Amino acid sequence: MERMQGEGEVDHLEQPSPLTDSEKVLIQDSWAKVFQTCDDVGVAILIRLFVNFPSSKQYFSQFKHIEEAEELERSNQLRSHARRVMNAINTLVENLDNSDKVASVLKLLGKAHALRHKVDPVYFKILSGVILEVLGEEFPEVVTPEVGAAWTKLLATLCCSIRATYKEVGWTKLSTSTG
């Protein structure tokens, strides 16, 4: 695949190899346990994202000026977005054996975030790291190193697919930072 000079920092990532059947099972089994408390986990993920990467709040008019984690946690808009994030992940996990469905979901997600929300794609990479961190902390008995490696591969695939969609729709980086 040809790359143009001057593309963003995130473009150096390569598409990971497809998930193996055993990796899919590890992801689905671990997700079944995580999804039982999806609202709380989703809120924890977004709060961690916003506290550790405050610039990510710029895309959320409803709560971009909220500084305190406790106040963020009480935000109905944040809870609603957390539920959407967790449901999107759930759709991906449920359809790991249907690559067309996964590609379709990721394309819709990428187009919405590029064209409507104008989110810098580097935030998908950042969010992926936060998801891995929170899952590992909240579910240490479930997210073993092997499970974490499978999730890392899935989230890298997500980032690459989102980046490809951004490129397809002609995304131009709005900021001058390299992430």
N, C-alpha and C. Protein backbone atom coordinates (compact mmCIF):
# COMPACT_ATOMS: atom_id res chain seq x y z
N MET A 1 0.84 -1.18 0.00
CA MET A 1 0.00 0.00 0.00
C MET A 1 0.89 1.25 0.00
N GLU A 2 0.59 2.15 -0.88
CA GLU A 2 1.42 3.34 -1.03
C GLU A 2 1.01 4.40 -0.01
N ARG A 3 1.99 5.08 0.53
CA ARG A 3 1.72 6.16 1.48
C ARG A 3 2.28 7.45 0.92
N MET A 4 1.58 8.51 1.21
CA MET A 4 2.01 9.84 0.76
C MET A 4 2.86 10.46 1.86
N GLN A 5 3.82 11.27 1.48
CA GLN A 5 4.61 11.98 2.48
C GLN A 5 3.71 12.99 3.19
N GLY A 6 4.04 13.21 4.45
CA GLY A 6 3.31 14.23 5.20
C GLY A 6 2.06 13.72 5.88
N GLU A 7 1.76 12.43 5.77
CA GLU A 7 0.60 11.91 6.46
C GLU A 7 0.85 11.90 7.96
N GLY A 8 -0.22 11.82 8.73
CA GLY A 8 -0.11 11.92 10.18
C GLY A 8 0.67 10.78 10.81
N GLU A 9 1.04 11.00 12.05
CA GLU A 9 1.85 10.08 12.84
C GLU A 9 1.23 8.68 12.90
N VAL A 10 -0.09 8.64 12.98
CA VAL A 10 -0.77 7.37 13.16
C VAL A 10 -0.67 6.47 11.93
N ASP A 11 -0.27 7.00 10.79
CA ASP A 11 -0.23 6.23 9.55
C ASP A 11 0.89 5.22 9.48
N HIS A 12 1.80 5.21 10.43
CA HIS A 12 2.88 4.23 10.38
C HIS A 12 2.42 2.85 10.84
N LEU A 13 1.22 2.75 11.39
CA LEU A 13 0.72 1.46 11.87
C LEU A 13 0.42 0.55 10.68
N GLU A 14 0.75 -0.70 10.82
CA GLU A 14 0.42 -1.67 9.79
C GLU A 14 -0.81 -2.44 10.22
N GLN A 15 -1.57 -2.91 9.22
CA GLN A 15 -2.74 -3.73 9.49
C GLN A 15 -2.27 -5.03 10.14
N PRO A 16 -2.79 -5.34 11.34
CA PRO A 16 -2.38 -6.60 11.98
C PRO A 16 -2.94 -7.79 11.22
N SER A 17 -2.37 -8.95 11.47
CA SER A 17 -2.91 -10.16 10.85
C SER A 17 -4.31 -10.41 11.40
N PRO A 18 -5.13 -11.12 10.63
CA PRO A 18 -6.48 -11.39 11.12
C PRO A 18 -6.45 -12.16 12.44
N LEU A 19 -7.50 -11.97 13.22
CA LEU A 19 -7.61 -12.69 14.49
C LEU A 19 -7.75 -14.19 14.21
N THR A 20 -7.08 -14.98 15.00
CA THR A 20 -7.23 -16.43 14.91
C THR A 20 -8.53 -16.83 15.61
N ASP A 21 -8.98 -18.04 15.38
CA ASP A 21 -10.19 -18.51 16.05
C ASP A 21 -10.02 -18.50 17.56
N SER A 22 -8.84 -18.89 18.03
CA SER A 22 -8.62 -18.90 19.49
C SER A 22 -8.61 -17.47 20.05
N GLU A 23 -8.07 -16.52 19.31
CA GLU A 23 -8.10 -15.11 19.76
C GLU A 23 -9.54 -14.60 19.82
N LYS A 24 -10.35 -14.97 18.83
CA LYS A 24 -11.76 -14.56 18.83
C LYS A 24 -12.47 -15.09 20.07
N VAL A 25 -12.20 -16.35 20.41
CA VAL A 25 -12.83 -16.96 21.60
C VAL A 25 -12.37 -16.24 22.87
N LEU A 26 -11.08 -15.92 22.96
CA LEU A 26 -10.57 -15.20 24.13
C LEU A 26 -11.26 -13.85 24.28
N ILE A 27 -11.41 -13.14 23.17
CA ILE A 27 -12.06 -11.82 23.20
C ILE A 27 -13.53 -11.97 23.60
N GLN A 28 -14.22 -12.90 22.96
CA GLN A 28 -15.65 -13.06 23.25
C GLN A 28 -15.90 -13.52 24.67
N ASP A 29 -15.08 -14.45 25.16
CA ASP A 29 -15.26 -14.92 26.54
C ASP A 29 -14.98 -13.81 27.55
N SER A 30 -13.93 -13.06 27.33
CA SER A 30 -13.61 -11.97 28.26
C SER A 30 -14.66 -10.87 28.18
N TRP A 31 -15.13 -10.58 26.97
CA TRP A 31 -16.13 -9.53 26.79
C TRP A 31 -17.45 -9.89 27.48
N ALA A 32 -17.81 -11.16 27.48
CA ALA A 32 -19.05 -11.59 28.14
C ALA A 32 -19.03 -11.15 29.61
N LYS A 33 -17.87 -11.25 30.24
CA LYS A 33 -17.75 -10.84 31.65
C LYS A 33 -17.76 -9.31 31.78
N VAL A 34 -17.07 -8.63 30.89
CA VAL A 34 -16.99 -7.16 30.91
C VAL A 34 -18.37 -6.55 30.66
N PHE A 35 -19.07 -7.10 29.68
CA PHE A 35 -20.33 -6.48 29.23
C PHE A 35 -21.43 -6.58 30.29
N GLN A 36 -21.26 -7.45 31.28
CA GLN A 36 -22.24 -7.53 32.37
C GLN A 36 -22.33 -6.22 33.14
N THR A 37 -21.24 -5.45 33.16
CA THR A 37 -21.22 -4.15 33.85
C THR A 37 -20.84 -3.06 32.84
N CYS A 38 -21.41 -3.16 31.63
CA CYS A 38 -20.96 -2.29 30.54
C CYS A 38 -21.12 -0.80 30.83
N ASP A 39 -22.19 -0.40 31.51
CA ASP A 39 -22.38 1.02 31.78
C ASP A 39 -21.25 1.57 32.65
N ASP A 40 -20.94 0.87 33.73
CA ASP A 40 -19.88 1.33 34.63
C ASP A 40 -18.52 1.29 33.95
N VAL A 41 -18.25 0.23 33.20
CA VAL A 41 -16.96 0.12 32.50
C VAL A 41 -16.84 1.21 31.44
N GLY A 42 -17.90 1.46 30.71
CA GLY A 42 -17.87 2.50 29.68
C GLY A 42 -17.60 3.88 30.27
N VAL A 43 -18.25 4.17 31.39
CA VAL A 43 -18.03 5.45 32.07
C VAL A 43 -16.58 5.53 32.56
N ALA A 44 -16.07 4.44 33.14
CA ALA A 44 -14.68 4.43 33.63
C ALA A 44 -13.70 4.68 32.48
N ILE A 45 -13.98 4.09 31.32
CA ILE A 45 -13.11 4.28 30.15
C ILE A 45 -13.12 5.74 29.71
N LEU A 46 -14.30 6.33 29.57
CA LEU A 46 -14.36 7.72 29.10
C LEU A 46 -13.78 8.69 30.12
N ILE A 47 -14.03 8.46 31.40
CA ILE A 47 -13.45 9.35 32.41
C ILE A 47 -11.92 9.26 32.37
N ARG A 48 -11.38 8.05 32.26
CA ARG A 48 -9.92 7.90 32.16
C ARG A 48 -9.40 8.62 30.92
N LEU A 49 -10.11 8.49 29.81
CA LEU A 49 -9.71 9.18 28.57
C LEU A 49 -9.68 10.69 28.80
N PHE A 50 -10.73 11.23 29.37
CA PHE A 50 -10.84 12.68 29.53
C PHE A 50 -9.90 13.24 30.59
N VAL A 51 -9.63 12.47 31.64
CA VAL A 51 -8.72 12.92 32.68
C VAL A 51 -7.27 12.85 32.19
N ASN A 52 -6.91 11.74 31.53
CA ASN A 52 -5.52 11.57 31.09
C ASN A 52 -5.21 12.29 29.78
N PHE A 53 -6.25 12.52 28.97
CA PHE A 53 -6.07 13.19 27.67
C PHE A 53 -7.16 14.25 27.54
N PRO A 54 -7.03 15.35 28.31
CA PRO A 54 -8.09 16.36 28.35
C PRO A 54 -8.43 16.95 26.98
N SER A 55 -7.48 16.94 26.06
CA SER A 55 -7.77 17.48 24.72
C SER A 55 -8.86 16.67 24.02
N SER A 56 -9.08 15.43 24.45
CA SER A 56 -10.12 14.61 23.82
C SER A 56 -11.52 15.14 24.11
N LYS A 57 -11.67 15.94 25.17
CA LYS A 57 -13.00 16.49 25.51
C LYS A 57 -13.45 17.56 24.52
N GLN A 58 -12.54 18.08 23.71
CA GLN A 58 -12.90 19.17 22.80
C GLN A 58 -14.01 18.77 21.82
N TYR A 59 -14.21 17.49 21.60
CA TYR A 59 -15.21 17.02 20.63
C TYR A 59 -16.59 16.84 21.25
N PHE A 60 -16.72 17.14 22.54
CA PHE A 60 -17.96 16.90 23.26
C PHE A 60 -18.47 18.20 23.87
N SER A 61 -19.32 18.88 23.14
CA SER A 61 -19.80 20.19 23.62
C SER A 61 -20.53 20.07 24.96
N GLN A 62 -21.19 18.93 25.21
CA GLN A 62 -22.00 18.79 26.42
C GLN A 62 -21.15 18.75 27.69
N PHE A 63 -19.93 18.25 27.60
CA PHE A 63 -19.14 18.13 28.83
C PHE A 63 -17.68 18.50 28.66
N LYS A 64 -17.37 19.26 27.62
CA LYS A 64 -15.95 19.59 27.42
C LYS A 64 -15.40 20.55 28.47
N HIS A 65 -16.26 21.25 29.17
CA HIS A 65 -15.78 22.20 30.19
C HIS A 65 -15.82 21.63 31.60
N ILE A 66 -16.25 20.38 31.74
CA ILE A 66 -16.29 19.75 33.06
C ILE A 66 -14.89 19.25 33.39
N GLU A 67 -14.36 19.72 34.51
CA GLU A 67 -12.99 19.37 34.89
C GLU A 67 -12.91 18.19 35.85
N GLU A 68 -13.85 18.09 36.77
CA GLU A 68 -13.78 17.09 37.83
C GLU A 68 -14.32 15.74 37.38
N ALA A 69 -13.57 14.67 37.67
CA ALA A 69 -13.99 13.32 37.30
C ALA A 69 -15.35 12.97 37.91
N GLU A 70 -15.58 13.40 39.15
CA GLU A 70 -16.85 13.09 39.81
C GLU A 70 -18.02 13.74 39.07
N GLU A 71 -17.82 14.95 38.60
CA GLU A 71 -18.88 15.64 37.86
C GLU A 71 -19.09 14.98 36.49
N LEU A 72 -18.00 14.57 35.85
CA LEU A 72 -18.11 13.85 34.59
C LEU A 72 -18.92 12.57 34.79
N GLU A 73 -18.65 11.89 35.88
CA GLU A 73 -19.33 10.63 36.16
C GLU A 73 -20.84 10.81 36.31
N ARG A 74 -21.25 11.97 36.77
CA ARG A 74 -22.68 12.25 36.95
C ARG A 74 -23.35 12.73 35.66
N SER A 75 -22.57 13.01 34.63
CA SER A 75 -23.13 13.56 33.39
C SER A 75 -23.93 12.50 32.62
N ASN A 76 -25.22 12.81 32.39
CA ASN A 76 -26.06 11.90 31.61
C ASN A 76 -25.55 11.77 30.18
N GLN A 77 -25.04 12.86 29.62
CA GLN A 77 -24.51 12.81 28.26
C GLN A 77 -23.29 11.90 28.18
N LEU A 78 -22.43 11.96 29.20
CA LEU A 78 -21.26 11.08 29.21
C LEU A 78 -21.71 9.63 29.33
N ARG A 79 -22.67 9.37 30.20
CA ARG A 79 -23.17 7.99 30.36
C ARG A 79 -23.78 7.49 29.06
N SER A 80 -24.48 8.35 28.38
CA SER A 80 -25.10 7.97 27.12
C SER A 80 -24.04 7.65 26.06
N HIS A 81 -23.01 8.47 25.99
CA HIS A 81 -21.95 8.20 25.02
C HIS A 81 -21.18 6.94 25.40
N ALA A 82 -20.95 6.74 26.68
CA ALA A 82 -20.27 5.52 27.14
C ALA A 82 -21.05 4.28 26.71
N ARG A 83 -22.37 4.34 26.82
CA ARG A 83 -23.21 3.22 26.42
C ARG A 83 -23.08 2.98 24.91
N ARG A 84 -23.03 4.05 24.11
CA ARG A 84 -22.85 3.89 22.66
C ARG A 84 -21.51 3.26 22.34
N VAL A 85 -20.45 3.68 23.02
CA VAL A 85 -19.12 3.09 22.81
C VAL A 85 -19.14 1.60 23.14
N MET A 86 -19.71 1.26 24.28
CA MET A 86 -19.74 -0.14 24.70
C MET A 86 -20.61 -0.98 23.77
N ASN A 87 -21.73 -0.43 23.30
CA ASN A 87 -22.57 -1.17 22.36
C ASN A 87 -21.86 -1.36 21.01
N ALA A 88 -21.08 -0.38 20.58
CA ALA A 88 -20.32 -0.54 19.33
C ALA A 88 -19.28 -1.65 19.48
N ILE A 89 -18.59 -1.66 20.62
CA ILE A 89 -17.61 -2.73 20.87
C ILE A 89 -18.34 -4.07 20.92
N ASN A 90 -19.50 -4.10 21.56
CA ASN A 90 -20.28 -5.34 21.65
C ASN A 90 -20.65 -5.84 20.26
N THR A 91 -21.07 -4.95 19.39
CA THR A 91 -21.41 -5.35 18.02
C THR A 91 -20.21 -5.95 17.32
N LEU A 92 -19.04 -5.34 17.50
CA LEU A 92 -17.83 -5.89 16.89
C LEU A 92 -17.52 -7.28 17.44
N VAL A 93 -17.57 -7.41 18.76
CA VAL A 93 -17.23 -8.69 19.40
C VAL A 93 -18.22 -9.78 18.98
N GLU A 94 -19.50 -9.43 18.94
CA GLU A 94 -20.51 -10.41 18.54
C GLU A 94 -20.35 -10.87 17.10
N ASN A 95 -19.71 -10.06 16.28
CA ASN A 95 -19.61 -10.35 14.85
C ASN A 95 -18.18 -10.65 14.39
N LEU A 96 -17.34 -11.09 15.31
CA LEU A 96 -15.94 -11.37 14.93
C LEU A 96 -15.82 -12.40 13.81
N ASP A 97 -16.83 -13.26 13.67
CA ASP A 97 -16.80 -14.24 12.59
C ASP A 97 -17.44 -13.73 11.30
N ASN A 98 -17.88 -12.49 11.30
CA ASN A 98 -18.52 -11.91 10.12
C ASN A 98 -17.72 -10.66 9.72
N SER A 99 -16.68 -10.87 8.95
CA SER A 99 -15.77 -9.76 8.61
C SER A 99 -16.47 -8.65 7.83
N ASP A 100 -17.49 -8.98 7.04
CA ASP A 100 -18.22 -7.94 6.31
C ASP A 100 -18.98 -7.03 7.27
N LYS A 101 -19.60 -7.61 8.29
CA LYS A 101 -20.33 -6.82 9.29
C LYS A 101 -19.36 -5.94 10.08
N VAL A 102 -18.23 -6.50 10.48
CA VAL A 102 -17.22 -5.73 11.22
C VAL A 102 -16.73 -4.56 10.36
N ALA A 103 -16.43 -4.84 9.10
CA ALA A 103 -15.96 -3.77 8.19
C ALA A 103 -17.01 -2.70 8.01
N SER A 104 -18.27 -3.10 7.91
CA SER A 104 -19.37 -2.15 7.74
C SER A 104 -19.53 -1.26 8.96
N VAL A 105 -19.49 -1.85 10.14
CA VAL A 105 -19.61 -1.09 11.39
C VAL A 105 -18.46 -0.09 11.51
N LEU A 106 -17.24 -0.55 11.24
CA LEU A 106 -16.08 0.33 11.37
C LEU A 106 -16.10 1.46 10.33
N LYS A 107 -16.60 1.17 9.14
CA LYS A 107 -16.69 2.21 8.10
C LYS A 107 -17.70 3.28 8.53
N LEU A 108 -18.85 2.86 9.04
CA LEU A 108 -19.85 3.82 9.52
C LEU A 108 -19.29 4.66 10.66
N LEU A 109 -18.62 4.00 11.60
CA LEU A 109 -18.01 4.68 12.73
C LEU A 109 -16.96 5.70 12.26
N GLY A 110 -16.12 5.27 11.35
CA GLY A 110 -15.07 6.15 10.82
C GLY A 110 -15.64 7.35 10.08
N LYS A 111 -16.63 7.10 9.23
CA LYS A 111 -17.23 8.21 8.47
C LYS A 111 -17.89 9.22 9.40
N ALA A 112 -18.63 8.74 10.39
CA ALA A 112 -19.31 9.65 11.32
C ALA A 112 -18.30 10.49 12.08
N HIS A 113 -17.23 9.86 12.55
CA HIS A 113 -16.25 10.60 13.35
C HIS A 113 -15.38 11.52 12.49
N ALA A 114 -15.17 11.18 11.25
CA ALA A 114 -14.38 12.04 10.36
C ALA A 114 -15.21 13.20 9.83
N LEU A 115 -16.38 12.91 9.30
CA LEU A 115 -17.16 13.92 8.59
C LEU A 115 -18.08 14.73 9.51
N ARG A 116 -18.77 14.08 10.41
CA ARG A 116 -19.73 14.79 11.25
C ARG A 116 -19.07 15.36 12.49
N HIS A 117 -18.28 14.54 13.18
CA HIS A 117 -17.71 14.97 14.47
C HIS A 117 -16.31 15.58 14.34
N LYS A 118 -15.64 15.33 13.22
CA LYS A 118 -14.31 15.89 12.93
C LYS A 118 -13.27 15.54 14.01
N VAL A 119 -13.30 14.28 14.46
CA VAL A 119 -12.40 13.79 15.50
C VAL A 119 -11.08 13.37 14.85
N ASP A 120 -9.99 13.89 15.37
CA ASP A 120 -8.67 13.48 14.88
C ASP A 120 -8.53 11.97 15.11
N PRO A 121 -8.14 11.21 14.09
CA PRO A 121 -8.08 9.75 14.23
C PRO A 121 -7.08 9.25 15.28
N VAL A 122 -6.15 10.10 15.69
CA VAL A 122 -5.20 9.68 16.73
C VAL A 122 -5.94 9.32 18.03
N TYR A 123 -7.13 9.89 18.23
CA TYR A 123 -7.88 9.61 19.45
C TYR A 123 -8.40 8.17 19.50
N PHE A 124 -8.55 7.53 18.34
CA PHE A 124 -8.93 6.11 18.36
C PHE A 124 -7.79 5.26 18.91
N LYS A 125 -6.57 5.64 18.56
CA LYS A 125 -5.40 4.93 19.09
C LYS A 125 -5.29 5.17 20.59
N ILE A 126 -5.50 6.41 21.01
CA ILE A 126 -5.45 6.75 22.43
C ILE A 126 -6.55 6.00 23.19
N LEU A 127 -7.77 6.03 22.65
CA LEU A 127 -8.89 5.35 23.30
C LEU A 127 -8.63 3.85 23.40
N SER A 128 -8.03 3.26 22.39
CA SER A 128 -7.70 1.83 22.42
C SER A 128 -6.79 1.51 23.60
N GLY A 129 -5.79 2.35 23.81
CA GLY A 129 -4.89 2.17 24.96
C GLY A 129 -5.61 2.29 26.27
N VAL A 130 -6.52 3.25 26.36
CA VAL A 130 -7.29 3.44 27.59
C VAL A 130 -8.21 2.24 27.84
N ILE A 131 -8.83 1.73 26.79
CA ILE A 131 -9.69 0.55 26.94
C ILE A 131 -8.89 -0.62 27.50
N LEU A 132 -7.72 -0.88 26.92
CA LEU A 132 -6.88 -1.98 27.40
C LEU A 132 -6.47 -1.79 28.85
N GLU A 133 -6.12 -0.56 29.19
CA GLU A 133 -5.70 -0.24 30.56
C GLU A 133 -6.84 -0.49 31.56
N VAL A 134 -8.02 0.04 31.25
CA VAL A 134 -9.15 -0.09 32.17
C VAL A 134 -9.59 -1.55 32.27
N LEU A 135 -9.67 -2.26 31.16
CA LEU A 135 -10.08 -3.67 31.22
C LEU A 135 -9.08 -4.47 32.05
N GLY A 136 -7.80 -4.20 31.88
CA GLY A 136 -6.79 -4.91 32.65
C GLY A 136 -6.87 -4.63 34.14
N GLU A 137 -7.21 -3.40 34.49
CA GLU A 137 -7.32 -3.03 35.91
C GLU A 137 -8.63 -3.53 36.53
N GLU A 138 -9.72 -3.41 35.80
CA GLU A 138 -11.04 -3.76 36.34
C GLU A 138 -11.29 -5.27 36.32
N PHE A 139 -10.63 -5.98 35.41
CA PHE A 139 -10.87 -7.42 35.25
C PHE A 139 -9.53 -8.17 35.17
N PRO A 140 -8.69 -8.05 36.21
CA PRO A 140 -7.36 -8.68 36.13
C PRO A 140 -7.42 -10.20 36.02
N GLU A 141 -8.47 -10.80 36.57
CA GLU A 141 -8.58 -12.26 36.49
C GLU A 141 -9.02 -12.71 35.09
N VAL A 142 -9.60 -11.81 34.32
CA VAL A 142 -10.11 -12.13 32.99
C VAL A 142 -9.10 -11.75 31.91
N VAL A 143 -8.50 -10.56 32.07
CA VAL A 143 -7.60 -10.04 31.04
C VAL A 143 -6.18 -10.49 31.36
N THR A 144 -5.93 -11.74 31.03
CA THR A 144 -4.60 -12.32 31.17
C THR A 144 -3.71 -11.75 30.08
N PRO A 145 -2.40 -11.97 30.13
CA PRO A 145 -1.55 -11.48 29.03
C PRO A 145 -2.01 -11.98 27.66
N GLU A 146 -2.45 -13.23 27.58
CA GLU A 146 -2.91 -13.78 26.30
C GLU A 146 -4.19 -13.07 25.82
N VAL A 147 -5.11 -12.82 26.74
CA VAL A 147 -6.35 -12.11 26.41
C VAL A 147 -6.02 -10.66 26.02
N GLY A 148 -5.13 -10.04 26.78
CA GLY A 148 -4.73 -8.67 26.46
C GLY A 148 -4.11 -8.57 25.07
N ALA A 149 -3.32 -9.57 24.70
CA ALA A 149 -2.71 -9.57 23.36
C ALA A 149 -3.78 -9.68 22.27
N ALA A 150 -4.80 -10.50 22.50
CA ALA A 150 -5.89 -10.63 21.54
C ALA A 150 -6.66 -9.31 21.41
N TRP A 151 -6.94 -8.67 22.54
CA TRP A 151 -7.62 -7.37 22.51
C TRP A 151 -6.76 -6.31 21.82
N THR A 152 -5.46 -6.35 22.08
CA THR A 152 -4.55 -5.39 21.43
C THR A 152 -4.64 -5.54 19.91
N LYS A 153 -4.68 -6.77 19.45
CA LYS A 153 -4.76 -7.04 18.01
C LYS A 153 -6.10 -6.55 17.45
N LEU A 154 -7.20 -6.82 18.16
CA LEU A 154 -8.51 -6.35 17.72
C LEU A 154 -8.55 -4.83 17.64
N LEU A 155 -8.06 -4.17 18.68
CA LEU A 155 -8.10 -2.70 18.70
C LEU A 155 -7.16 -2.09 17.66
N ALA A 156 -6.05 -2.75 17.37
CA ALA A 156 -5.17 -2.28 16.30
C ALA A 156 -5.87 -2.41 14.95
N THR A 157 -6.62 -3.49 14.77
CA THR A 157 -7.41 -3.66 13.55
C THR A 157 -8.44 -2.56 13.43
N LEU A 158 -9.11 -2.25 14.55
CA LEU A 158 -10.09 -1.17 14.57
C LEU A 158 -9.44 0.14 14.14
N CYS A 159 -8.30 0.46 14.73
CA CYS A 159 -7.62 1.73 14.41
C CYS A 159 -7.22 1.79 12.93
N CYS A 160 -6.72 0.69 12.40
CA CYS A 160 -6.31 0.67 10.99
C CYS A 160 -7.51 0.83 10.07
N SER A 161 -8.62 0.20 10.41
CA SER A 161 -9.83 0.30 9.60
C SER A 161 -10.39 1.72 9.65
N ILE A 162 -10.41 2.29 10.83
CA ILE A 162 -10.90 3.67 10.98
C ILE A 162 -10.00 4.62 10.17
N ARG A 163 -8.69 4.44 10.29
CA ARG A 163 -7.75 5.29 9.56
C ARG A 163 -7.97 5.16 8.06
N ALA A 164 -8.20 3.95 7.58
CA ALA A 164 -8.45 3.73 6.15
C ALA A 164 -9.71 4.46 5.70
N THR A 165 -10.74 4.45 6.54
CA THR A 165 -11.98 5.16 6.21
C THR A 165 -11.74 6.66 6.19
N TYR A 166 -10.98 7.17 7.14
CA TYR A 166 -10.65 8.60 7.16
C TYR A 166 -9.94 8.98 5.86
N LYS A 167 -9.01 8.15 5.43
CA LYS A 167 -8.27 8.42 4.20
C LYS A 167 -9.21 8.40 2.99
N GLU A 168 -10.12 7.43 3.00
CA GLU A 168 -11.08 7.28 1.92
C GLU A 168 -11.98 8.50 1.77
N VAL A 169 -12.37 9.11 2.89
CA VAL A 169 -13.27 10.27 2.83
C VAL A 169 -12.50 11.58 2.69
N GLY A 170 -11.17 11.50 2.56
CA GLY A 170 -10.38 12.70 2.32
C GLY A 170 -10.08 13.52 3.55
N TRP A 171 -9.98 12.86 4.69
CA TRP A 171 -9.68 13.55 5.95
C TRP A 171 -8.40 14.36 5.82
N THR A 172 -8.45 15.58 6.27
CA THR A 172 -7.24 16.39 6.39
C THR A 172 -7.10 16.78 7.86
N LYS A 173 -5.93 16.57 8.37
CA LYS A 173 -5.68 16.81 9.79
C LYS A 173 -5.90 18.29 10.12
N LEU A 174 -6.69 18.54 11.15
CA LEU A 174 -7.02 19.91 11.51
C LEU A 174 -5.96 20.53 12.41
N SER A 175 -5.33 19.69 13.22
CA SER A 175 -4.35 20.24 14.14
C SER A 175 -2.94 20.10 13.57
N THR A 176 -2.02 20.83 14.14
CA THR A 176 -0.64 20.74 13.67
C THR A 176 0.19 19.82 14.56
N SER A 177 -0.44 19.32 15.62
CA SER A 177 0.31 18.44 16.52
C SER A 177 0.47 17.06 15.88
N THR A 178 1.46 16.32 16.34
CA THR A 178 1.68 14.98 15.82
C THR A 178 1.13 13.93 16.75
N GLY A 179 0.40 14.34 17.78
CA GLY A 179 -0.23 13.38 18.69
C GLY A 179 0.74 12.97 19.70
